[in-house]
């Protein structure tokens, strides 16, 4: 089978296309899946650039979607021919005992889905939403579930809420689409006038150009009559968090997801405390939350926004496209 391996010390020029032996029959409790798609996340980019210290020869990619080709003894949840999508934390089934390392995450601590065939425990997958293509399903493992948990699980979104999303990456676009489907108003930021029009087409009521308006927190307050956003999907990190705190209403919720602007920095703690906001970090979610999300997605009319598709052999080009930060929505590998 075809696979991609990352050679140390990492970097886009250290991704190698290899031919590996296909796995045999799945064991008890396992399913065999022909992987047809993956999607790129910022976490995957960090791994392939060598920032995560992945083992030499690691097969990258946390997201995987495909078709069940064989079922091991004792598996009743899946049958041959079922479309499935992988779980980011395959051992975190439910509950609040959260994993805090990436030791079990495919493509990081263990081999991921940049390969054609895998045998894994059935509990490492869920069913894909009915009618989704493999490319669409592959966007759900990381970005889709992160947005779902931020809005639904942690923030308890309600119709009439105002949600602020930052930029046009996968999590932010998912959050925009989900929030609109749940009756919320969405304000978005971007640095591109062309992307601003795309955001409006997806339902963003107000779009703020953060290069033209560096104090965009004040612009959010102005757009909400001084009240602020109920929920902020914060994907930037230390470089954007102060403005997110300014933009969020008193008693509001900030979902801290990303580190796009760095790994540490000053936090305006007095304003956060004075406004009695909830600032909660999160990394994706567990399998039960993914199953809940899949049921919800089957009721929505929209589909994930896919910027571009690359064959597995062009994985380095796909990551170069992601690194350039010109994409809108998700970048997928199809194979």
Protein backbone atom coordinates (compact mmCIF):
# COMPACT_ATOMS: atom_id res chain seq x y z
CA UNK A 1 0.00 0.00 0.00
CA UNK A 2 1.05 3.60 -0.56
CA UNK A 3 1.97 5.63 2.50
CA UNK A 4 3.79 8.80 3.48
CA UNK A 5 6.54 8.73 6.08
CA UNK A 6 8.18 11.72 7.74
CA UNK A 7 11.94 11.45 8.06
CA UNK A 8 13.80 13.25 10.82
CA UNK A 9 14.47 16.09 11.40
CA UNK A 10 11.23 16.95 9.62
CA UNK A 11 10.34 19.54 7.01
CA UNK A 12 8.30 19.42 3.83
CA UNK A 13 11.29 18.04 1.94
CA UNK A 14 11.46 15.11 4.37
CA UNK A 15 8.07 13.62 3.45
CA UNK A 16 8.64 10.36 1.59
CA UNK A 17 6.22 8.29 -0.49
CA UNK A 18 6.82 4.64 0.38
CA UNK A 19 5.33 1.23 -0.36
CA UNK A 20 4.46 -0.66 2.84
CA UNK A 21 2.99 -4.13 3.37
CA UNK A 22 -0.80 -4.05 3.64
CA UNK A 23 -2.15 -5.17 7.01
CA UNK A 24 -3.71 -8.62 7.32
CA UNK A 25 -7.15 -9.44 8.66
CA UNK A 26 -8.32 -7.24 11.56
CA UNK A 27 -8.13 -8.72 15.03
CA UNK A 28 -10.91 -9.03 17.58
CA UNK A 29 -12.54 -5.67 18.20
CA UNK A 30 -10.86 -4.12 15.16
CA UNK A 31 -12.00 -2.93 11.76
CA UNK A 32 -10.02 -2.57 8.58
CA UNK A 33 -10.55 0.71 6.74
CA UNK A 34 -9.53 1.73 3.23
CA UNK A 35 -8.61 5.36 3.82
CA UNK A 36 -9.69 7.64 0.98
CA UNK A 37 -9.15 11.13 2.41
CA UNK A 38 -7.47 13.22 5.06
CA UNK A 39 -7.48 16.94 5.75
CA UNK A 40 -4.72 19.28 6.85
CA UNK A 41 -4.69 20.95 10.25
CA UNK A 42 -2.28 23.35 11.90
CA UNK A 43 -1.32 20.52 14.25
CA UNK A 44 -0.35 18.33 11.29
CA UNK A 45 1.75 21.16 9.87
CA UNK A 46 3.62 21.44 13.15
CA UNK A 47 4.33 17.70 13.10
CA UNK A 48 5.67 17.60 9.54
CA UNK A 49 7.82 20.69 10.15
CA UNK A 50 9.50 18.81 12.98
CA UNK A 51 8.13 20.90 15.85
CA UNK A 52 6.49 17.94 17.62
CA UNK A 53 9.53 15.68 17.69
CA UNK A 54 7.71 12.83 15.96
CA UNK A 55 9.54 9.54 15.61
CA UNK A 56 11.56 8.92 12.48
CA UNK A 57 9.35 7.30 9.86
CA UNK A 58 6.12 8.52 11.41
CA UNK A 59 3.09 8.34 9.10
CA UNK A 60 1.44 11.78 9.44
CA UNK A 61 -2.18 13.03 9.38
CA UNK A 62 -4.63 12.98 12.28
CA UNK A 63 -7.77 12.96 10.09
CA UNK A 64 -8.86 9.89 8.17
CA UNK A 65 -12.05 8.95 6.32
CA UNK A 66 -12.84 5.89 4.25
CA UNK A 67 -14.74 2.63 3.95
CA UNK A 68 -14.77 -0.43 6.19
CA UNK A 69 -13.32 -3.35 4.23
CA UNK A 70 -13.25 -6.03 6.97
CA UNK A 71 -14.60 -6.47 10.49
CA UNK A 72 -12.95 -8.36 13.32
CA UNK A 73 -14.61 -10.67 15.82
CA UNK A 74 -16.96 -9.02 18.28
CA UNK A 75 -17.56 -5.84 16.27
CA UNK A 76 -21.27 -5.05 15.91
CA UNK A 77 -21.22 -1.28 15.38
CA UNK A 78 -19.77 -1.38 11.86
CA UNK A 79 -20.22 -3.53 8.76
CA UNK A 80 -18.25 -3.89 5.53
CA UNK A 81 -19.11 -0.96 3.27
CA UNK A 82 -19.77 1.57 6.06
CA UNK A 83 -18.30 5.03 5.60
CA UNK A 84 -16.33 6.02 8.69
CA UNK A 85 -14.24 8.87 10.04
CA UNK A 86 -11.45 8.69 12.58
CA UNK A 87 -11.28 10.10 16.13
CA UNK A 88 -8.54 12.54 17.14
CA UNK A 89 -8.15 10.97 20.59
CA UNK A 90 -8.97 7.33 19.80
CA UNK A 91 -8.76 6.27 23.45
CA UNK A 92 -10.90 9.13 24.83
CA UNK A 93 -14.37 7.69 24.47
CA UNK A 94 -16.32 9.98 26.83
CA UNK A 95 -16.13 11.79 30.15
CA UNK A 96 -14.00 14.59 31.56
CA UNK A 97 -10.73 12.73 32.10
CA UNK A 98 -9.16 14.73 29.30
CA UNK A 99 -5.94 13.68 27.60
CA UNK A 100 -3.28 16.38 27.86
CA UNK A 101 -0.60 15.01 25.58
CA UNK A 102 -0.57 13.92 21.92
CA UNK A 103 0.87 10.48 22.69
CA UNK A 104 -2.18 8.66 21.30
CA UNK A 105 -3.03 11.09 18.50
CA UNK A 106 -2.70 9.61 14.98
CA UNK A 107 -0.01 11.29 12.95
CA UNK A 108 1.82 12.49 16.05
CA UNK A 109 2.33 10.01 18.89
CA UNK A 110 1.30 7.05 16.71
CA UNK A 111 1.07 6.51 12.96
CA UNK A 112 -1.67 8.45 11.21
CA UNK A 113 -3.77 8.25 8.08
CA UNK A 114 -1.45 9.18 5.22
CA UNK A 115 -1.74 5.55 4.06
CA UNK A 116 -4.25 3.52 2.14
CA UNK A 117 -5.21 0.84 4.67
CA UNK A 118 -5.39 0.61 8.46
CA UNK A 119 -6.45 -1.93 11.09
CA UNK A 120 -7.55 -0.21 14.28
CA UNK A 121 -9.99 -0.75 17.15
CA UNK A 122 -13.55 -0.02 16.06
CA UNK A 123 -13.70 2.59 18.82
CA UNK A 124 -11.12 4.68 16.93
CA UNK A 125 -13.81 5.60 14.38
CA UNK A 126 -17.38 6.82 14.16
CA UNK A 127 -19.81 6.60 11.27
CA UNK A 128 -19.46 9.46 8.80
CA UNK A 129 -22.53 11.64 8.20
CA UNK A 130 -24.86 10.10 5.65
CA UNK A 131 -24.29 11.53 2.17
CA UNK A 132 -20.88 13.04 2.91
CA UNK A 133 -18.01 12.45 0.52
CA UNK A 134 -14.82 11.06 2.03
CA UNK A 135 -13.18 14.47 1.61
CA UNK A 136 -16.00 16.16 3.50
CA UNK A 137 -15.97 13.55 6.27
CA UNK A 138 -12.20 13.87 6.68
CA UNK A 139 -12.60 17.52 7.72
CA UNK A 140 -14.58 16.55 10.83
CA UNK A 141 -12.03 14.71 12.99
CA UNK A 142 -10.13 17.79 14.12
CA UNK A 143 -11.59 21.05 12.81
CA UNK A 144 -15.27 20.05 12.81
CA UNK A 145 -15.27 18.56 16.29
CA UNK A 146 -13.23 21.44 17.70
CA UNK A 147 -15.83 23.94 16.48
CA UNK A 148 -18.69 21.74 17.75
CA UNK A 149 -17.20 21.39 21.21
CA UNK A 150 -16.38 25.10 21.43
CA UNK A 151 -19.91 26.18 20.55
CA UNK A 152 -22.20 23.41 21.75
CA UNK A 153 -20.45 21.47 24.50
CA UNK A 154 -18.47 24.18 26.26
CA UNK A 155 -20.30 27.42 25.45
CA UNK A 156 -23.88 26.08 25.27
CA UNK A 157 -24.77 28.17 22.22
CA UNK A 158 -28.35 29.39 21.98
CA UNK A 159 -30.38 30.92 19.18
CA UNK A 160 -29.89 34.67 19.24
CA UNK A 161 -26.31 34.55 20.50
CA UNK A 162 -23.58 36.50 18.76
CA UNK A 163 -20.51 34.45 17.86
CA UNK A 164 -17.16 35.95 16.87
CA UNK A 165 -14.86 33.86 14.64
CA UNK A 166 -11.31 34.80 13.70
CA UNK A 167 -9.98 34.27 10.19
CA UNK A 168 -10.91 31.73 7.55
CA UNK A 169 -9.27 28.48 8.65
CA UNK A 170 -11.12 25.22 9.07
CA UNK A 171 -12.26 25.68 12.69
CA UNK A 172 -13.45 29.24 12.10
CA UNK A 173 -15.44 28.35 8.97
CA UNK A 174 -17.02 25.36 10.71
CA UNK A 175 -17.93 27.58 13.67
CA UNK A 176 -19.52 30.12 11.33
CA UNK A 177 -21.62 27.47 9.57
CA UNK A 178 -22.66 25.72 12.78
CA UNK A 179 -23.52 28.95 14.58
CA UNK A 180 -25.70 30.17 11.73
CA UNK A 181 -27.51 26.81 11.60
CA UNK A 182 -28.28 27.15 15.30
CA UNK A 183 -29.79 30.60 14.97
CA UNK A 184 -26.82 32.67 16.06
CA UNK A 185 -25.47 35.88 14.57
CA UNK A 186 -21.85 35.72 13.39
CA UNK A 187 -19.17 38.39 13.27
CA UNK A 188 -15.92 37.45 11.53
CA UNK A 189 -12.45 38.89 11.05
CA UNK A 190 -10.12 38.60 8.07
CA UNK A 191 -7.29 40.50 6.40
CA UNK A 192 -8.64 39.97 2.88
CA UNK A 193 -11.46 41.84 1.21
CA UNK A 194 -12.02 38.90 -1.14
CA UNK A 195 -12.33 36.52 1.82
CA UNK A 196 -14.67 39.01 3.49
CA UNK A 197 -17.12 38.53 0.65
CA UNK A 198 -16.85 34.74 1.01
CA UNK A 199 -17.52 35.03 4.75
CA UNK A 200 -20.61 37.12 4.08
CA UNK A 201 -21.81 34.57 1.53
CA UNK A 202 -21.64 31.92 4.27
CA UNK A 203 -23.74 34.05 6.58
CA UNK A 204 -21.40 36.36 8.49
CA UNK A 205 -23.40 39.49 9.22
CA UNK A 206 -20.39 41.70 9.96
CA UNK A 207 -16.82 41.21 8.72
CA UNK A 208 -13.96 43.26 10.16
CA UNK A 209 -10.62 43.64 8.38
CA UNK A 210 -8.12 43.31 11.23
CA UNK A 211 -5.29 44.89 9.26
CA UNK A 212 -7.34 48.00 8.58
CA UNK A 213 -8.80 47.91 12.11
CA UNK A 214 -6.13 46.65 14.55
CA UNK A 215 -8.41 47.42 17.52
CA UNK A 216 -11.05 45.07 16.17
CA UNK A 217 -12.35 44.34 19.64
CA UNK A 218 -13.78 47.84 19.71
CA UNK A 219 -15.33 47.26 16.30
CA UNK A 220 -17.10 44.15 17.63
CA UNK A 221 -18.44 46.18 20.55
CA UNK A 222 -19.68 48.83 18.11
CA UNK A 223 -21.37 46.16 15.95
CA UNK A 224 -23.19 44.78 18.99
CA UNK A 225 -24.34 48.09 20.47
CA UNK A 226 -21.66 47.94 23.15
CA UNK A 227 -22.70 44.51 24.45
CA UNK A 228 -20.00 42.32 22.91
CA UNK A 229 -20.01 38.79 21.52
CA UNK A 230 -21.52 35.99 23.60
CA UNK A 231 -18.99 33.44 22.31
CA UNK A 232 -15.53 34.00 20.86
CA UNK A 233 -13.84 31.19 18.94
CA UNK A 234 -10.24 32.22 19.66
CA UNK A 235 -7.83 30.50 17.25
CA UNK A 236 -5.04 33.06 17.26
CA UNK A 237 -3.59 32.75 20.74
CA UNK A 238 -1.55 35.39 22.57
CA UNK A 239 -1.47 37.85 19.68
CA UNK A 240 -5.27 38.05 19.43
CA UNK A 241 -6.48 37.14 22.92
CA UNK A 242 -6.45 40.72 24.29
CA UNK A 243 -8.74 41.87 21.46
CA UNK A 244 -10.96 38.81 21.97
CA UNK A 245 -11.35 39.68 25.65
CA UNK A 246 -12.26 43.23 24.64
CA UNK A 247 -14.77 41.93 22.07
CA UNK A 248 -16.47 39.45 24.42
CA UNK A 249 -19.42 40.54 26.52
CA UNK A 250 -19.40 40.51 30.34
CA UNK A 251 -20.10 36.94 31.38
CA UNK A 252 -19.29 35.67 27.87
CA UNK A 253 -17.32 32.60 26.82
CA UNK A 254 -13.95 32.53 25.04
CA UNK A 255 -12.95 29.17 23.56
CA UNK A 256 -9.14 29.16 23.46
CA UNK A 257 -8.13 26.85 20.62
CA UNK A 258 -5.22 28.08 18.58
CA UNK A 259 -1.59 29.09 18.87
CA UNK A 260 -1.26 30.70 15.46
CA UNK A 261 0.41 33.78 16.97
CA UNK A 262 2.67 31.98 19.44
CA UNK A 263 2.77 29.87 22.56
CA UNK A 264 2.77 32.50 25.30
CA UNK A 265 2.20 36.17 25.96
CA UNK A 266 0.61 38.77 28.19
CA UNK A 267 -3.06 38.38 29.12
CA UNK A 268 -5.15 41.38 30.26
CA UNK A 269 -6.26 39.56 33.39
CA UNK A 270 -7.91 42.60 34.97
CA UNK A 271 -10.33 43.00 32.06
CA UNK A 272 -10.98 39.26 31.95
CA UNK A 273 -11.74 39.27 35.67
CA UNK A 274 -13.75 42.50 35.64
CA UNK A 275 -15.93 41.21 32.82
CA UNK A 276 -16.23 37.82 34.56
CA UNK A 277 -15.66 35.97 31.31
CA UNK A 278 -15.02 32.27 30.94
CA UNK A 279 -11.74 31.50 29.18
CA UNK A 280 -11.55 27.78 28.47
CA UNK A 281 -8.88 25.91 26.58
CA UNK A 282 -9.82 22.89 24.51
CA UNK A 283 -8.22 20.35 22.20
CA UNK A 284 -10.79 18.72 19.89
CA UNK A 285 -13.11 16.35 21.83
CA UNK A 286 -14.05 12.76 22.59
CA UNK A 287 -15.76 10.08 20.55
CA UNK A 288 -19.21 10.53 22.07
CA UNK A 289 -19.13 14.24 21.18
CA UNK A 290 -18.16 13.31 17.63
CA UNK A 291 -21.15 10.97 17.40
CA UNK A 292 -23.41 13.78 18.63
CA UNK A 293 -21.94 16.12 16.03
CA UNK A 294 -22.46 13.63 13.21
CA UNK A 295 -26.15 13.31 14.10
CA UNK A 296 -26.50 17.09 14.05
CA UNK A 297 -24.64 17.50 10.75
CA UNK A 298 -27.07 15.13 9.08
CA UNK A 299 -29.83 17.66 9.83
CA UNK A 300 -28.01 20.65 8.34
CA UNK A 301 -28.23 21.59 4.66
CA UNK A 302 -24.67 22.88 4.33
CA UNK A 303 -21.46 20.90 3.78
CA UNK A 304 -17.86 21.57 4.89
CA UNK A 305 -16.03 24.17 2.84
CA UNK A 306 -13.10 22.60 0.98
CA UNK A 307 -10.54 24.99 -0.44
CA UNK A 308 -8.55 22.47 -2.49
CA UNK A 309 -7.71 18.80 -2.95
CA UNK A 310 -4.36 17.13 -3.53
CA UNK A 311 -3.40 13.50 -4.22
CA UNK A 312 -1.44 11.76 -1.49
CA UNK A 313 1.75 12.00 -3.57
CA UNK A 314 1.50 15.82 -3.43
CA UNK A 315 1.30 16.07 0.35
CA UNK A 316 4.25 18.48 0.49
CA UNK A 317 2.53 20.81 -1.99
CA UNK A 318 -0.64 20.64 0.09
CA UNK A 319 1.23 21.68 3.23
CA UNK A 320 3.01 24.45 1.33
CA UNK A 321 -0.41 25.78 0.33
CA UNK A 322 -1.53 25.64 3.96
CA UNK A 323 1.64 27.32 5.20
CA UNK A 324 1.05 30.21 2.79
CA UNK A 325 -2.26 30.87 4.64
CA UNK A 326 -4.16 31.79 1.51
CA UNK A 327 -6.75 29.02 1.84
CA UNK A 328 -10.41 29.43 2.75
CA UNK A 329 -11.73 26.41 4.63
CA UNK A 330 -10.10 23.00 4.49
CA UNK A 331 -7.31 21.53 2.35
CA UNK A 332 -7.78 17.82 1.68
CA UNK A 333 -5.74 14.85 0.52
CA UNK A 334 -7.71 12.42 -1.66
CA UNK A 335 -6.44 8.89 -2.37
